[in-house]
Amino acid sequence: MPTPPICQSCGMPLHEEKNWGTNADNSTTTEFCKFCFQNGKFTDQNLTMEKIIENSITMSKKLWMPEDKAREIALKTIPNLRRWKK
């Protein structure tokens, strides 16, 4: 089974269509999740990579992941996503 796409802004797995973002024409995109991208725009235009890393760690901890593991994954993944890659 192929690996599901992940949001290219926050790294959230996009297993289900209900979590996909939307383009300007209201079609869905598997490039970004609905929390990061709606109607063809990022939901938070001023979001920084540092802030999304902290948000990711917070959410992972709520899902019972130890903070050190959550931080390791976030720091490894998020800087390499399309939105943040330089």
Protein backbone atom coordinates (compact mmCIF):
# COMPACT_ATOMS: atom_id res chain seq x y z
CA MET A 1 0.00 0.00 0.00
CA PRO A 2 1.49 3.39 -0.95
CA THR A 3 2.28 5.95 1.72
CA PRO A 4 -0.49 8.56 1.92
CA PRO A 5 0.47 12.12 1.02
CA ILE A 6 1.24 14.56 3.79
CA CYS A 7 0.39 18.25 3.99
CA GLN A 8 3.25 20.21 2.48
CA SER A 9 2.80 22.91 5.12
CA CYS A 10 2.32 21.08 8.45
CA GLY A 11 3.12 17.42 7.69
CA MET A 12 -0.30 16.06 8.65
CA PRO A 13 -1.02 12.71 6.95
CA LEU A 14 -3.79 13.10 4.39
CA HIS A 15 -5.39 9.65 4.66
CA GLU A 16 -8.93 10.91 4.20
CA GLU A 17 -10.41 13.26 1.63
CA LYS A 18 -12.26 15.15 4.37
CA ASN A 19 -8.87 16.52 5.49
CA TRP A 20 -7.75 17.74 2.05
CA GLY A 21 -7.41 21.45 1.37
CA THR A 22 -9.28 23.28 -1.37
CA ASN A 23 -8.12 25.21 -4.41
CA ALA A 24 -9.57 28.55 -5.54
CA ASP A 25 -12.07 26.68 -7.76
CA ASN A 26 -13.18 24.63 -4.72
CA SER A 27 -11.57 21.44 -6.04
CA THR A 28 -9.61 19.43 -3.50
CA THR A 29 -5.85 19.20 -3.25
CA THR A 30 -3.76 16.52 -1.58
CA GLU A 31 -0.82 18.93 -1.40
CA PHE A 32 -2.15 20.71 1.70
CA CYS A 33 -4.61 19.94 4.51
CA LYS A 34 -7.83 21.85 5.16
CA PHE A 35 -6.31 23.46 8.24
CA CYS A 36 -3.47 25.03 6.24
CA PHE A 37 -5.05 25.70 2.83
CA GLN A 38 -8.58 26.77 1.87
CA ASN A 39 -9.94 28.42 -1.27
CA GLY A 40 -6.50 28.44 -2.88
CA LYS A 41 -4.79 30.32 -0.03
CA PHE A 42 -2.94 29.51 3.15
CA THR A 43 -5.25 30.00 6.12
CA ASP A 44 -2.51 31.83 8.03
CA GLN A 45 -0.41 33.89 5.64
CA ASN A 46 1.87 35.03 8.49
CA LEU A 47 2.64 31.56 9.84
CA THR A 48 6.34 30.90 10.31
CA MET A 49 8.11 27.58 10.06
CA GLU A 50 9.12 27.90 13.72
CA LYS A 51 5.48 28.34 14.76
CA ILE A 52 4.27 25.35 12.73
CA ILE A 53 7.03 23.23 14.30
CA GLU A 54 5.84 24.22 17.79
CA ASN A 55 2.20 23.58 16.80
CA SER A 56 3.18 20.14 15.49
CA ILE A 57 4.96 19.26 18.73
CA THR A 58 1.96 20.39 20.79
CA MET A 59 -0.47 18.31 18.70
CA SER A 60 1.79 15.24 18.79
CA LYS A 61 2.05 15.46 22.58
CA LYS A 62 -1.76 15.54 22.78
CA LEU A 63 -1.70 12.27 20.81
CA TRP A 64 0.48 10.75 23.54
CA MET A 65 3.83 11.09 21.76
CA PRO A 66 6.76 11.98 24.02
CA GLU A 67 7.92 15.58 23.48
CA ASP A 68 11.48 14.63 22.49
CA LYS A 69 10.20 12.25 19.79
CA ALA A 70 7.65 14.82 18.56
CA ARG A 71 10.37 17.49 18.35
CA GLU A 72 12.72 15.13 16.49
CA ILE A 73 10.06 14.28 13.88
CA ALA A 74 8.93 17.90 13.46
CA LEU A 75 12.49 19.21 13.02
CA LYS A 76 13.27 16.46 10.51
CA THR A 77 10.05 16.76 8.49
CA ILE A 78 8.74 20.32 8.41
CA PRO A 79 11.81 22.16 7.01
CA ASN A 80 11.69 19.77 4.02
CA LEU A 81 8.04 20.41 3.13
CA ARG A 82 7.30 22.40 -0.04
CA ARG A 83 5.98 25.46 1.81
CA TRP A 84 9.16 25.84 3.89
CA LYS A 85 11.90 24.46 1.64
CA LYS A 86 14.28 27.17 0.50
